[in-house]
Amino acid sequence: MDASEAFRGCLARLSQLPGLVVCLDDDTFYIDFFLGFGLASATGVWGLVGDATKAILEARLSGRVKVLKWVDDFFTIRLDPTITINDILAATRELDFPWNPEKTVDFKPNPKYIGWVFNIPERKAVLPREKAEKYVDRATPFERGQQQDKHSTQKLLGSLQHVAFVARDLRPHLGSIASFLASWPEEKQYQKRFIPVEVQKEAGFWVKALSIVPFVRSFALPPNQFPDTVWVDASTEWGIGVLVGEAWGAWKWLPGWETDGRGIGWAEAIALEFGLLAAKACG
């Protein structure tokens, strides 16, 4: 379920209207109707409305539904199989909330949310083939080393981040593309640049991964859960510490460890890896 014209649905109070007028020069004034939410942040105002609607819906159907929300996209999971879409609409009717009728559908076992199809009975998330192929088309020019502009790089990184939101195993393979984008000179925003070799390799990895049919990930709970709590920490002044249950380990940095661009981010990543290895060693 989506909110219809979500950002346009929040009206400005009369007392806020002066805040929508912009003086361009002494004799010219412009009325700003673009996301005109008065004197507050547009996204912040909508967030308050959306979050309140979510809270009211879960309170009125307490224990019977769970609502996930991303901006104006509401994904309702029913915990009570007797709940229907009419119950959802009835619970919010007096709020006059602007549901989009074109995107309001009844419950089904494989709903679509944030671009993914979630097979709830099998606990699997599937990236639609047309979306996967679109992302492959965006990554292929980078794999081939063709010159690209900043906008194309932003689109590629955003698309791959969307995939990695669910396919968490692919998250480590975004670093080179993200670094390439971050290195773009501010004064050359529209300049096309050559693709570094490491970015070509990373794009090629994504082309191969997204070409797997079907592109699916499981969100089922693991059959066995690790019984102990694992804590890790890193300090640039000292080293790494790991705590698994009541067992612990610590490693002090060798002189010169911070060379070659290593810093706190690298140290935290190593600490996490050590924590996983320690947990694995503990069974």
Protein backbone atom coordinates (compact mmCIF):
# COMPACT_ATOMS: atom_id res chain seq x y z
CA MET A 1 0.00 0.00 0.00
CA ASP A 2 1.23 3.46 -0.91
CA ALA A 3 0.17 6.90 0.17
CA SER A 4 -1.25 8.88 -2.74
CA GLU A 5 0.61 12.15 -3.38
CA ALA A 6 2.17 11.79 0.06
CA PHE A 7 4.29 14.92 0.05
CA ARG A 8 1.51 17.01 -1.47
CA GLY A 9 -0.96 15.83 1.16
CA CYS A 10 0.59 17.82 4.01
CA LEU A 11 -0.86 21.31 3.88
CA ALA A 12 0.77 24.46 5.25
CA ARG A 13 -0.96 26.40 8.01
CA LEU A 14 -2.07 29.95 7.23
CA SER A 15 0.52 31.29 9.67
CA GLN A 16 3.24 29.53 7.67
CA LEU A 17 2.34 30.96 4.27
CA PRO A 18 4.79 33.90 4.56
CA GLY A 19 7.54 31.31 4.80
CA LEU A 20 6.71 30.12 1.29
CA VAL A 21 7.42 33.49 -0.31
CA VAL A 22 10.94 34.04 -1.61
CA CYS A 23 12.19 37.52 -2.54
CA LEU A 24 14.17 37.31 -5.78
CA ASP A 25 14.83 41.06 -6.02
CA ASP A 26 13.24 44.29 -4.83
CA ASP A 27 10.17 43.93 -7.04
CA THR A 28 9.97 40.17 -7.65
CA PHE A 29 8.57 37.58 -5.27
CA TYR A 30 8.30 33.85 -5.85
CA ILE A 31 5.82 31.56 -4.11
CA ASP A 32 7.58 28.28 -3.39
CA PHE A 33 5.07 25.47 -3.95
CA PHE A 34 7.78 22.83 -4.31
CA LEU A 35 7.28 20.52 -1.32
CA GLY A 36 5.67 23.50 0.36
CA PHE A 37 5.36 22.33 3.96
CA GLY A 38 5.62 25.73 5.51
CA LEU A 39 8.61 26.38 7.74
CA ALA A 40 9.58 22.75 8.40
CA SER A 41 11.51 20.11 6.47
CA ALA A 42 9.27 18.47 3.86
CA THR A 43 10.56 14.97 4.51
CA GLY A 44 10.41 15.54 8.24
CA VAL A 45 6.76 16.59 8.15
CA TRP A 46 5.78 13.60 6.03
CA GLY A 47 7.77 11.31 8.33
CA LEU A 48 5.69 12.47 11.30
CA VAL A 49 2.44 11.82 9.42
CA GLY A 50 3.56 8.44 8.07
CA ASP A 51 4.99 7.23 11.38
CA ALA A 52 1.85 8.31 13.24
CA THR A 53 -0.36 6.43 10.76
CA LYS A 54 1.77 3.31 11.17
CA ALA A 55 1.57 3.54 14.98
CA ILE A 56 -2.22 4.06 14.95
CA LEU A 57 -2.73 1.15 12.56
CA GLU A 58 -0.66 -1.23 14.71
CA ALA A 59 -2.40 -0.03 17.88
CA ARG A 60 -5.92 -0.49 16.51
CA LEU A 61 -5.05 -3.94 15.17
CA SER A 62 -2.72 -4.79 18.03
CA GLY A 63 -1.23 -8.26 17.78
CA ARG A 64 -2.91 -8.86 14.43
CA VAL A 65 -0.63 -7.00 12.01
CA LYS A 66 2.96 -5.78 11.69
CA VAL A 67 3.58 -2.71 9.53
CA LEU A 68 6.85 -1.87 7.79
CA LYS A 69 7.19 1.58 6.23
CA TRP A 70 9.64 3.08 3.76
CA VAL A 71 8.83 6.75 3.08
CA ASP A 72 5.29 6.42 1.62
CA ASP A 73 5.32 2.65 1.03
CA PHE A 74 3.47 0.65 3.71
CA PHE A 75 4.05 -3.09 3.86
CA THR A 76 1.57 -4.81 6.18
CA ILE A 77 2.16 -8.36 7.38
CA ARG A 78 -0.83 -10.01 8.95
CA LEU A 79 -0.25 -12.08 12.06
CA ASP A 80 -3.94 -12.97 12.13
CA PRO A 81 -4.96 -14.81 8.92
CA THR A 82 -8.53 -13.49 9.18
CA ILE A 83 -7.38 -9.89 8.58
CA THR A 84 -8.28 -8.47 5.15
CA ILE A 85 -7.39 -5.30 3.31
CA ASN A 86 -10.80 -3.89 4.30
CA ASP A 87 -9.78 -4.12 7.96
CA ILE A 88 -6.70 -2.02 7.20
CA LEU A 89 -8.75 0.60 5.37
CA ALA A 90 -11.37 0.65 8.13
CA ALA A 91 -8.71 1.18 10.81
CA THR A 92 -7.50 4.34 9.07
CA ARG A 93 -10.70 5.61 7.46
CA GLU A 94 -11.44 8.35 10.00
CA LEU A 95 -7.85 9.61 9.62
CA ASP A 96 -8.62 10.53 6.01
CA PHE A 97 -5.24 9.06 5.11
CA PRO A 98 -4.69 9.27 1.30
CA TRP A 99 -4.17 5.61 0.32
CA ASN A 100 -3.42 5.11 -3.36
CA PRO A 101 -6.20 2.81 -4.68
CA GLU A 102 -4.04 1.65 -7.61
CA LYS A 103 -1.46 0.21 -5.22
CA THR A 104 -3.87 -1.11 -2.62
CA VAL A 105 -4.09 -4.89 -2.95
CA ASP A 106 -5.28 -7.64 -0.66
CA PHE A 107 -2.93 -9.92 1.22
CA LYS A 108 -1.11 -12.60 -0.75
CA PRO A 109 1.79 -14.98 -0.06
CA ASN A 110 4.24 -13.23 -2.40
CA PRO A 111 3.86 -9.43 -2.04
CA LYS A 112 6.20 -6.92 -3.65
CA TYR A 113 7.99 -4.40 -1.44
CA ILE A 114 10.88 -1.99 -2.14
CA GLY A 115 11.35 -3.62 -5.53
CA TRP A 116 11.61 -7.20 -4.25
CA VAL A 117 9.10 -10.06 -4.29
CA PHE A 118 8.90 -11.62 -0.83
CA ASN A 119 7.81 -15.26 -0.80
CA ILE A 120 6.61 -15.34 2.79
CA PRO A 121 5.75 -19.08 3.11
CA GLU A 122 9.23 -20.05 1.85
CA ARG A 123 11.00 -17.11 3.54
CA LYS A 124 12.68 -16.04 0.31
CA ALA A 125 13.20 -12.67 -1.40
CA VAL A 126 13.42 -12.64 -5.20
CA LEU A 127 14.69 -9.74 -7.31
CA PRO A 128 12.39 -9.51 -10.37
CA ARG A 129 14.19 -10.54 -13.54
CA GLU A 130 13.46 -7.28 -15.36
CA LYS A 131 15.02 -5.29 -12.51
CA ALA A 132 18.08 -7.54 -12.36
CA GLU A 133 18.59 -7.18 -16.12
CA LYS A 134 18.25 -3.40 -15.87
CA TYR A 135 20.99 -3.33 -13.25
CA VAL A 136 23.18 -5.61 -15.40
CA ASP A 137 22.78 -3.13 -18.25
CA ARG A 138 23.96 -0.34 -15.95
CA ALA A 139 26.99 -2.29 -14.73
CA THR A 140 28.14 -3.67 -18.09
CA PRO A 141 29.65 -0.40 -19.46
CA PHE A 142 31.68 -0.09 -16.26
CA GLU A 143 32.89 -3.67 -16.60
CA ARG A 144 34.01 -2.91 -20.16
CA GLY A 145 35.88 0.19 -19.06
CA GLN A 146 33.81 2.65 -21.08
CA GLN A 147 34.08 6.26 -19.93
CA GLN A 148 31.25 7.29 -17.60
CA ASP A 149 29.94 10.47 -16.05
CA LYS A 150 29.08 11.07 -12.42
CA HIS A 151 25.33 10.67 -12.90
CA SER A 152 25.74 7.19 -14.42
CA THR A 153 28.03 6.22 -11.56
CA GLN A 154 25.51 7.44 -9.01
CA LYS A 155 22.73 5.45 -10.69
CA LEU A 156 24.85 2.30 -10.72
CA LEU A 157 25.86 2.60 -7.08
CA GLY A 158 22.28 3.34 -6.01
CA SER A 159 20.99 0.31 -7.92
CA LEU A 160 23.58 -2.02 -6.41
CA GLN A 161 22.96 -0.64 -2.92
CA HIS A 162 19.28 -1.46 -3.45
CA VAL A 163 20.25 -5.07 -4.18
CA ALA A 164 22.70 -5.25 -1.28
CA PHE A 165 19.97 -4.08 1.10
CA VAL A 166 18.59 -7.63 0.88
CA ALA A 167 21.56 -9.55 -0.58
CA ARG A 168 23.82 -8.74 2.34
CA ASP A 169 26.51 -11.14 1.17
CA LEU A 170 27.20 -8.73 -1.72
CA ARG A 171 27.71 -5.63 0.43
CA PRO A 172 31.52 -5.99 0.57
CA HIS A 173 31.62 -5.59 -3.22
CA LEU A 174 30.60 -1.92 -3.36
CA GLY A 175 33.77 -0.29 -2.07
CA SER A 176 35.60 0.36 -5.33
CA ILE A 177 32.56 1.87 -7.06
CA ALA A 178 31.76 4.01 -4.00
CA SER A 179 35.37 5.24 -3.79
CA PHE A 180 35.37 6.05 -7.51
CA LEU A 181 32.23 8.15 -7.07
CA ALA A 182 33.59 9.89 -3.97
CA SER A 183 36.78 10.85 -5.79
CA TRP A 184 34.93 12.86 -8.46
CA PRO A 185 36.34 16.41 -8.55
CA GLU A 186 33.74 18.98 -7.51
CA GLU A 187 34.74 21.27 -10.36
CA LYS A 188 34.31 18.50 -12.95
CA GLN A 189 30.82 17.20 -12.18
CA TYR A 190 29.93 16.61 -15.84
CA GLN A 191 33.25 15.26 -17.03
CA LYS A 192 33.42 11.67 -18.25
CA ARG A 193 36.17 9.66 -16.62
CA PHE A 194 38.03 6.47 -17.38
CA ILE A 195 37.02 3.49 -15.24
CA PRO A 196 39.78 2.22 -12.92
CA VAL A 197 40.65 -1.47 -13.19
CA GLU A 198 39.37 -2.25 -9.70
CA VAL A 199 36.00 -0.69 -10.56
CA GLN A 200 35.84 -2.73 -13.77
CA LYS A 201 36.44 -5.90 -11.75
CA GLU A 202 33.82 -4.98 -9.17
CA ALA A 203 31.26 -4.16 -11.87
CA GLY A 204 32.06 -7.50 -13.52
CA PHE A 205 31.41 -9.26 -10.24
CA TRP A 206 27.95 -7.67 -10.08
CA VAL A 207 27.18 -8.52 -13.71
CA LYS A 208 27.91 -12.16 -12.96
CA ALA A 209 25.98 -12.16 -9.67
CA LEU A 210 22.89 -10.48 -11.13
CA SER A 211 22.85 -12.87 -14.09
CA ILE A 212 22.02 -15.80 -11.80
CA VAL A 213 18.41 -16.89 -12.40
CA PRO A 214 16.52 -16.63 -10.15
CA PHE A 215 18.29 -14.03 -8.03
CA VAL A 216 17.03 -15.10 -4.63
CA ARG A 217 18.00 -14.72 -0.98
CA SER A 218 16.61 -16.41 2.12
CA PHE A 219 15.40 -14.48 5.14
CA ALA A 220 14.58 -17.59 7.18
CA LEU A 221 15.95 -17.79 10.69
CA PRO A 222 19.03 -20.01 10.95
CA PRO A 223 18.32 -23.47 12.39
CA ASN A 224 20.89 -22.95 15.14
CA GLN A 225 21.69 -19.69 16.89
CA PHE A 226 25.03 -18.91 18.51
CA PRO A 227 24.46 -19.00 22.28
CA ASP A 228 26.97 -16.33 23.36
CA THR A 229 27.11 -12.59 22.88
CA VAL A 230 30.03 -11.35 20.79
CA TRP A 231 31.57 -7.91 21.33
CA VAL A 232 34.37 -6.38 19.27
CA ASP A 233 36.14 -3.04 19.38
CA ALA A 234 39.09 -1.33 17.76
CA SER A 235 41.30 1.54 18.85
CA THR A 236 43.77 3.34 16.64
CA GLU A 237 45.95 3.95 19.72
CA TRP A 238 46.15 0.36 20.96
CA GLY A 239 44.66 -2.45 18.88
CA ILE A 240 41.71 -4.86 18.75
CA GLY A 241 39.67 -6.54 21.47
CA VAL A 242 37.18 -9.42 21.15
CA LEU A 243 34.82 -10.82 23.78
CA VAL A 244 32.88 -14.07 23.20
CA GLY A 245 30.77 -14.98 26.19
CA GLU A 246 33.32 -15.01 29.02
CA ALA A 247 36.32 -15.64 26.75
CA TRP A 248 38.33 -12.74 25.41
CA GLY A 249 41.32 -11.89 23.24
CA ALA A 250 43.31 -8.75 22.46
CA TRP A 251 45.85 -7.87 19.77
CA LYS A 252 48.15 -4.84 19.86
CA TRP A 253 49.05 -3.02 16.64
CA LEU A 254 52.50 -3.41 15.18
CA PRO A 255 54.38 -0.18 14.41
CA GLY A 256 53.39 1.27 11.03
CA TRP A 257 50.04 -0.50 10.84
CA GLU A 258 48.31 2.75 9.84
CA THR A 259 50.23 3.07 6.53
CA ASP A 260 48.72 2.41 3.07
CA GLY A 261 45.51 4.23 3.93
CA ARG A 262 44.59 2.11 6.95
CA GLY A 263 42.55 3.86 9.59
CA ILE A 264 39.72 3.33 12.04
CA GLY A 265 37.39 1.98 9.34
CA TRP A 266 39.88 -0.71 8.38
CA ALA A 267 40.55 -1.46 12.05
CA GLU A 268 36.84 -1.90 12.82
CA ALA A 269 36.48 -4.26 9.85
CA ILE A 270 39.41 -6.37 11.08
CA ALA A 271 37.89 -6.43 14.57
CA LEU A 272 34.63 -7.71 13.13
CA GLU A 273 36.46 -10.41 11.19
CA PHE A 274 38.37 -11.47 14.31
CA GLY A 275 35.09 -11.62 16.22
CA LEU A 276 33.54 -13.91 13.63
CA LEU A 277 36.61 -16.16 13.61
CA ALA A 278 36.60 -16.29 17.41
CA ALA A 279 32.89 -17.17 17.50
CA LYS A 280 33.49 -19.89 14.93
CA ALA A 281 36.36 -21.28 17.00
CA CYS A 282 34.10 -21.34 20.07
CA GLY A 283 31.60 -23.48 18.19
